[in-house]
């Protein structure tokens, strides 16, 4: 999901006297995207860390310093277009997905000596999901996972994130972002100081973590029923 650094709601007009009007930009061009978030929902309630991808082509030293302040409920990667790439996907599979499904499979296994039940992973046909390295990683025997793909133009009907979750999740992120800005973070609105990009990345990690926790508290039944 493309993740803006500001959430404008559905309002276009600003109060009288403002020189600038903030509005939604209809284009989805990768050159305009500042961040993306990838989520995985599970019918048993277990989940991986959210994967955040930020747009960045700078030096590593600044990122290492900035990363000390990232929320530990998310996993952060960088890409020149803020788009999921094969490297980030493989790291997510190794560090997050494998741990989550191993825990889930052992909980579901009645006898520790019996074979662990397999997991079913449903993905859309994002090009990164379909690369050969990713397919090989997902089909590794130790992951005990069957992978299926939702056909093009069908995710809005078949994928639980699209049908039930994304809209509410994005709304929560926007709400938490505004709360944090109001409680002390500088804002880019006229009359206030600008929030630097590196600070906005830090606050976005916290907002994504808070939004996902709230989603699981308030919509846990909805997540399970969406399957």
C-alpha atoms as a PDB file:
ATOM      1  CA  UNK A   1       0.000   0.000   0.000  1.00  0.00           C
ATOM      2  CA  UNK A   2       1.297   3.448  -0.909  1.00  0.00           C
ATOM      3  CA  UNK A   3       1.712   5.417   2.303  1.00  0.00           C
ATOM      4  CA  UNK A   4       1.685   9.235   2.148  1.00  0.00           C
ATOM      5  CA  UNK A   5       3.518  11.345   4.700  1.00  0.00           C
ATOM      6  CA  UNK A   6       0.350  13.402   5.124  1.00  0.00           C
ATOM      7  CA  UNK A   7      -3.271  12.306   5.166  1.00  0.00           C
ATOM      8  CA  UNK A   8      -5.650  14.874   3.731  1.00  0.00           C
ATOM      9  CA  UNK A   9      -8.965  13.073   4.104  1.00  0.00           C
ATOM     10  CA  UNK A  10     -11.564  14.127   1.544  1.00  0.00           C
ATOM     11  CA  UNK A  11     -11.307  17.892   2.029  1.00  0.00           C
ATOM     12  CA  UNK A  12      -9.958  20.149  -0.708  1.00  0.00           C
ATOM     13  CA  UNK A  13     -10.766  23.649   0.511  1.00  0.00           C
ATOM     14  CA  UNK A  14      -8.867  25.476   3.249  1.00  0.00           C
ATOM     15  CA  UNK A  15     -10.123  28.269   5.529  1.00  0.00           C
ATOM     16  CA  UNK A  16     -10.213  31.789   4.092  1.00  0.00           C
ATOM     17  CA  UNK A  17      -6.842  33.514   4.214  1.00  0.00           C
ATOM     18  CA  UNK A  18      -4.695  30.422   3.612  1.00  0.00           C
ATOM     19  CA  UNK A  19      -2.285  30.816   0.731  1.00  0.00           C
ATOM     20  CA  UNK A  20      -1.942  27.088   0.131  1.00  0.00           C
ATOM     21  CA  UNK A  21      -4.531  24.330  -0.130  1.00  0.00           C
ATOM     22  CA  UNK A  22      -3.474  20.772   0.649  1.00  0.00           C
ATOM     23  CA  UNK A  23      -5.168  18.168  -1.502  1.00  0.00           C
ATOM     24  CA  UNK A  24      -4.907  14.521  -2.503  1.00  0.00           C
ATOM     25  CA  UNK A  25      -2.643  13.900  -5.479  1.00  0.00           C
ATOM     26  CA  UNK A  26      -4.340  11.398  -7.821  1.00  0.00           C
ATOM     27  CA  UNK A  27      -1.160  10.101  -9.421  1.00  0.00           C
ATOM     28  CA  UNK A  28       0.430   6.916  -8.117  1.00  0.00           C
ATOM     29  CA  UNK A  29       3.749   7.560  -9.798  1.00  0.00           C
ATOM     30  CA  UNK A  30       6.672   5.902  -8.055  1.00  0.00           C
ATOM     31  CA  UNK A  31       8.600   9.145  -8.392  1.00  0.00           C
ATOM     32  CA  UNK A  32       6.054  10.790  -6.064  1.00  0.00           C
ATOM     33  CA  UNK A  33       5.855   8.012  -3.486  1.00  0.00           C
ATOM     34  CA  UNK A  34       7.645   8.575  -0.183  1.00  0.00           C
ATOM     35  CA  UNK A  35       6.793   5.302   1.553  1.00  0.00           C
ATOM     36  CA  UNK A  36       5.049   1.962   1.170  1.00  0.00           C
ATOM     37  CA  UNK A  37       3.822  -0.480   3.793  1.00  0.00           C
ATOM     38  CA  UNK A  38       3.355  -4.224   3.427  1.00  0.00           C
ATOM     39  CA  UNK A  39       1.148  -6.104   5.882  1.00  0.00           C
ATOM     40  CA  UNK A  40       0.322  -9.759   6.402  1.00  0.00           C
ATOM     41  CA  UNK A  41      -2.921 -10.818   8.052  1.00  0.00           C
ATOM     42  CA  UNK A  42      -3.400 -14.242   9.597  1.00  0.00           C
ATOM     43  CA  UNK A  43      -6.652 -16.017  10.426  1.00  0.00           C
ATOM     44  CA  UNK A  44      -5.168 -17.327  13.695  1.00  0.00           C
ATOM     45  CA  UNK A  45      -4.320 -13.809  14.899  1.00  0.00           C
ATOM     46  CA  UNK A  46      -0.538 -14.170  14.649  1.00  0.00           C
ATOM     47  CA  UNK A  47       1.264 -11.692  12.463  1.00  0.00           C
ATOM     48  CA  UNK A  48       4.650 -10.506  11.250  1.00  0.00           C
ATOM     49  CA  UNK A  49       6.086  -7.070  11.708  1.00  0.00           C
ATOM     50  CA  UNK A  50       4.816  -4.535   9.226  1.00  0.00           C
ATOM     51  CA  UNK A  51       7.336  -3.871   6.465  1.00  0.00           C
ATOM     52  CA  UNK A  52       7.934  -0.181   5.766  1.00  0.00           C
ATOM     53  CA  UNK A  53       9.822   0.922   2.661  1.00  0.00           C
ATOM     54  CA  UNK A  54      11.074   4.492   2.515  1.00  0.00           C
ATOM     55  CA  UNK A  55      12.419   6.377  -0.462  1.00  0.00           C
ATOM     56  CA  UNK A  56      16.108   7.040   0.023  1.00  0.00           C
ATOM     57  CA  UNK A  57      19.343   7.120  -1.972  1.00  0.00           C
ATOM     58  CA  UNK A  58      21.642   8.793   0.538  1.00  0.00           C
ATOM     59  CA  UNK A  59      24.514   7.683   2.735  1.00  0.00           C
ATOM     60  CA  UNK A  60      24.223   4.838   5.209  1.00  0.00           C
ATOM     61  CA  UNK A  61      25.637   6.694   8.231  1.00  0.00           C
ATOM     62  CA  UNK A  62      22.650   9.015   8.516  1.00  0.00           C
ATOM     63  CA  UNK A  63      20.215   6.119   8.205  1.00  0.00           C
ATOM     64  CA  UNK A  64      21.994   4.127  10.930  1.00  0.00           C
ATOM     65  CA  UNK A  65      21.689   7.066  13.308  1.00  0.00           C
ATOM     66  CA  UNK A  66      18.049   7.614  12.390  1.00  0.00           C
ATOM     67  CA  UNK A  67      17.209   3.904  12.731  1.00  0.00           C
ATOM     68  CA  UNK A  68      17.901   4.023  16.474  1.00  0.00           C
ATOM     69  CA  UNK A  69      14.577   5.861  16.861  1.00  0.00           C
ATOM     70  CA  UNK A  70      12.416   3.608  14.662  1.00  0.00           C
ATOM     71  CA  UNK A  71       9.534   1.793  16.339  1.00  0.00           C
ATOM     72  CA  UNK A  72      10.457  -1.853  16.933  1.00  0.00           C
ATOM     73  CA  UNK A  73       7.010  -3.043  15.798  1.00  0.00           C
ATOM     74  CA  UNK A  74       7.956  -2.447  12.167  1.00  0.00           C
ATOM     75  CA  UNK A  75      10.726  -3.588   9.872  1.00  0.00           C
ATOM     76  CA  UNK A  76      12.247  -0.790   7.761  1.00  0.00           C
ATOM     77  CA  UNK A  77      13.942  -0.979   4.379  1.00  0.00           C
ATOM     78  CA  UNK A  78      14.951   1.607   1.788  1.00  0.00           C
ATOM     79  CA  UNK A  79      14.505   1.788  -1.960  1.00  0.00           C
ATOM     80  CA  UNK A  80      15.031   4.578  -4.473  1.00  0.00           C
ATOM     81  CA  UNK A  81      11.320   4.401  -5.396  1.00  0.00           C
ATOM     82  CA  UNK A  82       9.931   3.377  -1.992  1.00  0.00           C
ATOM     83  CA  UNK A  83       8.678   0.214  -3.652  1.00  0.00           C
ATOM     84  CA  UNK A  84       8.998  -3.394  -2.544  1.00  0.00           C
ATOM     85  CA  UNK A  85      12.102  -4.958  -4.057  1.00  0.00           C
ATOM     86  CA  UNK A  86      13.386  -8.527  -4.075  1.00  0.00           C
ATOM     87  CA  UNK A  87      16.059  -7.881  -1.453  1.00  0.00           C
ATOM     88  CA  UNK A  88      13.552  -6.499   1.053  1.00  0.00           C
ATOM     89  CA  UNK A  89      11.101  -9.303   0.328  1.00  0.00           C
ATOM     90  CA  UNK A  90      13.721 -11.996   0.901  1.00  0.00           C
ATOM     91  CA  UNK A  91      14.847 -10.415   4.159  1.00  0.00           C
ATOM     92  CA  UNK A  92      11.234 -10.179   5.323  1.00  0.00           C
ATOM     93  CA  UNK A  93      10.699 -13.876   4.520  1.00  0.00           C
ATOM     94  CA  UNK A  94      13.833 -14.919   6.407  1.00  0.00           C
ATOM     95  CA  UNK A  95      13.478 -12.694   9.470  1.00  0.00           C
ATOM     96  CA  UNK A  96       9.732 -12.206   9.938  1.00  0.00           C
ATOM     97  CA  UNK A  97       7.585 -14.641   7.988  1.00  0.00           C
ATOM     98  CA  UNK A  98       9.548 -17.783   8.855  1.00  0.00           C
ATOM     99  CA  UNK A  99       9.437 -17.027  12.583  1.00  0.00           C
ATOM    100  CA  UNK A 100       5.703 -16.254  12.523  1.00  0.00           C
ATOM    101  CA  UNK A 101       4.635 -19.393  10.679  1.00  0.00           C
ATOM    102  CA  UNK A 102       6.913 -21.616  12.763  1.00  0.00           C
ATOM    103  CA  UNK A 103       5.214 -20.349  15.908  1.00  0.00           C
ATOM    104  CA  UNK A 104       1.766 -20.775  14.380  1.00  0.00           C
ATOM    105  CA  UNK A 105       2.451 -24.290  13.113  1.00  0.00           C
ATOM    106  CA  UNK A 106       3.745 -25.477  16.485  1.00  0.00           C
ATOM    107  CA  UNK A 107       0.722 -24.070  18.286  1.00  0.00           C
ATOM    108  CA  UNK A 108      -1.569 -25.925  15.877  1.00  0.00           C
ATOM    109  CA  UNK A 109       0.392 -29.174  16.143  1.00  0.00           C
ATOM    110  CA  UNK A 110      -1.153 -31.522  18.727  1.00  0.00           C
ATOM    111  CA  UNK A 111       1.731 -33.956  18.890  1.00  0.00           C
ATOM    112  CA  UNK A 112       5.269 -32.583  18.763  1.00  0.00           C
ATOM    113  CA  UNK A 113       6.330 -35.788  17.033  1.00  0.00           C
ATOM    114  CA  UNK A 114       3.731 -35.458  14.271  1.00  0.00           C
ATOM    115  CA  UNK A 115       4.294 -33.447  11.090  1.00  0.00           C
ATOM    116  CA  UNK A 116       3.594 -29.756  11.463  1.00  0.00           C
ATOM    117  CA  UNK A 117       0.507 -28.510   9.606  1.00  0.00           C
ATOM    118  CA  UNK A 118       1.291 -26.552   6.429  1.00  0.00           C
ATOM    119  CA  UNK A 119       0.597 -22.832   6.003  1.00  0.00           C
ATOM    120  CA  UNK A 120      -1.193 -21.225   3.083  1.00  0.00           C
ATOM    121  CA  UNK A 121       0.159 -17.861   1.901  1.00  0.00           C
ATOM    122  CA  UNK A 122      -2.009 -15.846  -0.493  1.00  0.00           C
ATOM    123  CA  UNK A 123      -0.335 -13.043  -2.448  1.00  0.00           C
ATOM    124  CA  UNK A 124      -1.319 -10.698  -5.237  1.00  0.00           C
ATOM    125  CA  UNK A 125       0.630 -10.627  -8.481  1.00  0.00           C
ATOM    126  CA  UNK A 126       2.944  -7.769  -7.543  1.00  0.00           C
ATOM    127  CA  UNK A 127       6.051  -8.372  -9.711  1.00  0.00           C
ATOM    128  CA  UNK A 128       8.283  -8.684  -6.631  1.00  0.00           C
ATOM    129  CA  UNK A 129       6.115 -11.495  -5.235  1.00  0.00           C
ATOM    130  CA  UNK A 130       6.654 -13.497  -8.420  1.00  0.00           C
ATOM    131  CA  UNK A 131      10.427 -13.335  -8.864  1.00  0.00           C
ATOM    132  CA  UNK A 132      12.309 -16.625  -8.948  1.00  0.00           C
ATOM    133  CA  UNK A 133      14.356 -15.965  -5.753  1.00  0.00           C
ATOM    134  CA  UNK A 134      11.179 -15.166  -3.815  1.00  0.00           C
ATOM    135  CA  UNK A 135       9.341 -18.226  -5.126  1.00  0.00           C
ATOM    136  CA  UNK A 136      12.299 -20.435  -4.215  1.00  0.00           C
ATOM    137  CA  UNK A 137      12.473 -18.948  -0.722  1.00  0.00           C
ATOM    138  CA  UNK A 138       8.760 -19.496  -0.102  1.00  0.00           C
ATOM    139  CA  UNK A 139       8.883 -23.068  -1.398  1.00  0.00           C
ATOM    140  CA  UNK A 140      11.753 -24.093   0.920  1.00  0.00           C
ATOM    141  CA  UNK A 141      10.865 -27.283   2.797  1.00  0.00           C
ATOM    142  CA  UNK A 142      11.551 -25.852   6.257  1.00  0.00           C
ATOM    143  CA  UNK A 143       8.860 -23.188   5.726  1.00  0.00           C
ATOM    144  CA  UNK A 144       6.167 -25.787   4.949  1.00  0.00           C
ATOM    145  CA  UNK A 145       4.185 -23.201   2.985  1.00  0.00           C
ATOM    146  CA  UNK A 146       1.916 -23.444  -0.037  1.00  0.00           C
ATOM    147  CA  UNK A 147       1.765 -20.183  -1.999  1.00  0.00           C
ATOM    148  CA  UNK A 148      -1.124 -19.122  -4.232  1.00  0.00           C
ATOM    149  CA  UNK A 149      -1.619 -15.953  -6.253  1.00  0.00           C
ATOM    150  CA  UNK A 150      -4.774 -13.902  -6.711  1.00  0.00           C
ATOM    151  CA  UNK A 151      -5.360 -13.122 -10.415  1.00  0.00           C
ATOM    152  CA  UNK A 152      -5.100  -9.561 -11.685  1.00  0.00           C
ATOM    153  CA  UNK A 153      -8.134  -7.364 -11.015  1.00  0.00           C
ATOM    154  CA  UNK A 154      -9.460  -9.822  -8.432  1.00  0.00           C
ATOM    155  CA  UNK A 155      -7.738  -8.609  -5.251  1.00  0.00           C
ATOM    156  CA  UNK A 156     -10.656  -6.295  -4.494  1.00  0.00           C
ATOM    157  CA  UNK A 157     -12.879  -9.367  -4.219  1.00  0.00           C
ATOM    158  CA  UNK A 158     -10.592 -12.060  -2.842  1.00  0.00           C
ATOM    159  CA  UNK A 159      -7.824 -10.479  -0.752  1.00  0.00           C
ATOM    160  CA  UNK A 160      -8.772  -9.822   2.865  1.00  0.00           C
ATOM    161  CA  UNK A 161      -6.594  -6.698   3.075  1.00  0.00           C
ATOM    162  CA  UNK A 162      -8.342  -5.072   0.124  1.00  0.00           C
ATOM    163  CA  UNK A 163     -11.857  -6.134   1.098  1.00  0.00           C
ATOM    164  CA  UNK A 164     -11.806  -5.386   4.831  1.00  0.00           C
ATOM    165  CA  UNK A 165      -8.599  -3.966   6.257  1.00  0.00           C
ATOM    166  CA  UNK A 166      -6.615  -1.447   4.196  1.00  0.00           C
ATOM    167  CA  UNK A 167      -9.070   1.454   4.420  1.00  0.00           C
ATOM    168  CA  UNK A 168      -9.391   1.243   8.211  1.00  0.00           C
ATOM    169  CA  UNK A 169      -5.644   0.676   8.660  1.00  0.00           C
ATOM    170  CA  UNK A 170      -4.756   3.749   6.609  1.00  0.00           C
ATOM    171  CA  UNK A 171      -7.323   5.828   8.501  1.00  0.00           C
ATOM    172  CA  UNK A 172      -5.775   4.831  11.829  1.00  0.00           C
ATOM    173  CA  UNK A 173      -2.289   5.747  10.585  1.00  0.00           C
ATOM    174  CA  UNK A 174      -3.551   9.177   9.546  1.00  0.00           C
ATOM    175  CA  UNK A 175      -5.283   9.693  12.885  1.00  0.00           C
ATOM    176  CA  UNK A 176      -2.180   8.780  14.892  1.00  0.00           C
ATOM    177  CA  UNK A 177       0.020  10.953  12.681  1.00  0.00           C
ATOM    178  CA  UNK A 178      -2.175  13.980  13.336  1.00  0.00           C
ATOM    179  CA  UNK A 179      -2.246  13.288  17.092  1.00  0.00           C
ATOM    180  CA  UNK A 180       1.540  13.083  17.238  1.00  0.00           C
ATOM    181  CA  UNK A 181       1.938  16.283  15.244  1.00  0.00           C
ATOM    182  CA  UNK A 182      -0.499  18.086  17.540  1.00  0.00           C
ATOM    183  CA  UNK A 183       1.270  16.847  20.662  1.00  0.00           C
ATOM    184  CA  UNK A 184       4.634  18.333  19.921  1.00  0.00           C
ATOM    185  CA  UNK A 185       5.938  17.340  16.497  1.00  0.00           C
ATOM    186  CA  UNK A 186       6.428  20.312  14.232  1.00  0.00           C
ATOM    187  CA  UNK A 187       3.966  20.681  11.406  1.00  0.00           C
ATOM    188  CA  UNK A 188       4.411  21.844   7.835  1.00  0.00           C
ATOM    189  CA  UNK A 189       1.239  23.970   7.961  1.00  0.00           C
ATOM    190  CA  UNK A 190       1.741  27.758   7.541  1.00  0.00           C
ATOM    191  CA  UNK A 191       2.850  29.465  10.719  1.00  0.00           C
ATOM    192  CA  UNK A 192       4.687  26.438  12.110  1.00  0.00           C
ATOM    193  CA  UNK A 193       8.073  24.908  11.460  1.00  0.00           C
ATOM    194  CA  UNK A 194       8.537  22.182   8.893  1.00  0.00           C
ATOM    195  CA  UNK A 195       8.989  18.537   9.903  1.00  0.00           C
ATOM    196  CA  UNK A 196      12.200  17.251   8.395  1.00  0.00           C
ATOM    197  CA  UNK A 197      11.917  14.131   6.283  1.00  0.00           C
ATOM    198  CA  UNK A 198      14.027  11.995   8.635  1.00  0.00           C
ATOM    199  CA  UNK A 199      11.805  12.980  11.578  1.00  0.00           C
ATOM    200  CA  UNK A 200       8.701  12.183   9.573  1.00  0.00           C
ATOM    201  CA  UNK A 201      10.070   8.716   8.813  1.00  0.00           C
ATOM    202  CA  UNK A 202      10.572   8.124  12.539  1.00  0.00           C
ATOM    203  CA  UNK A 203       7.061   9.218  13.429  1.00  0.00           C
ATOM    204  CA  UNK A 204       5.539   7.148  10.596  1.00  0.00           C
ATOM    205  CA  UNK A 205       7.096   3.985  12.083  1.00  0.00           C
ATOM    206  CA  UNK A 206       5.387   4.701  15.400  1.00  0.00           C
ATOM    207  CA  UNK A 207       2.055   5.505  13.745  1.00  0.00           C
ATOM    208  CA  UNK A 208       2.083   2.272  11.739  1.00  0.00           C
ATOM    209  CA  UNK A 209       2.822   0.269  14.902  1.00  0.00           C
ATOM    210  CA  UNK A 210       0.042   2.020  16.853  1.00  0.00           C
ATOM    211  CA  UNK A 211      -2.441   1.645  14.002  1.00  0.00           C
ATOM    212  CA  UNK A 212      -1.806  -2.083  13.649  1.00  0.00           C
ATOM    213  CA  UNK A 213      -2.167  -2.674  17.392  1.00  0.00           C
ATOM    214  CA  UNK A 214      -5.477  -0.781  17.410  1.00  0.00           C
ATOM    215  CA  UNK A 215      -6.688  -2.708  14.370  1.00  0.00           C
ATOM    216  CA  UNK A 216      -6.035  -6.014  16.116  1.00  0.00           C
ATOM    217  CA  UNK A 217      -7.733  -4.831  19.320  1.00  0.00           C
ATOM    218  CA  UNK A 218     -10.860  -3.442  17.688  1.00  0.00           C
ATOM    219  CA  UNK A 219     -11.222  -5.547  14.552  1.00  0.00           C
ATOM    220  CA  UNK A 220      -9.798  -8.954  15.460  1.00  0.00           C
ATOM    221  CA  UNK A 221     -13.096 -10.658  14.629  1.00  0.00           C
ATOM    222  CA  UNK A 222     -13.294  -8.830  11.318  1.00  0.00           C
ATOM    223  CA  UNK A 223      -9.786  -9.965  10.377  1.00  0.00           C
ATOM    224  CA  UNK A 224     -10.667 -13.598  11.059  1.00  0.00           C
ATOM    225  CA  UNK A 225     -14.026 -13.377   9.280  1.00  0.00           C
ATOM    226  CA  UNK A 226     -12.416 -11.776   6.228  1.00  0.00           C
ATOM    227  CA  UNK A 227     -10.856 -15.130   5.421  1.00  0.00           C
END
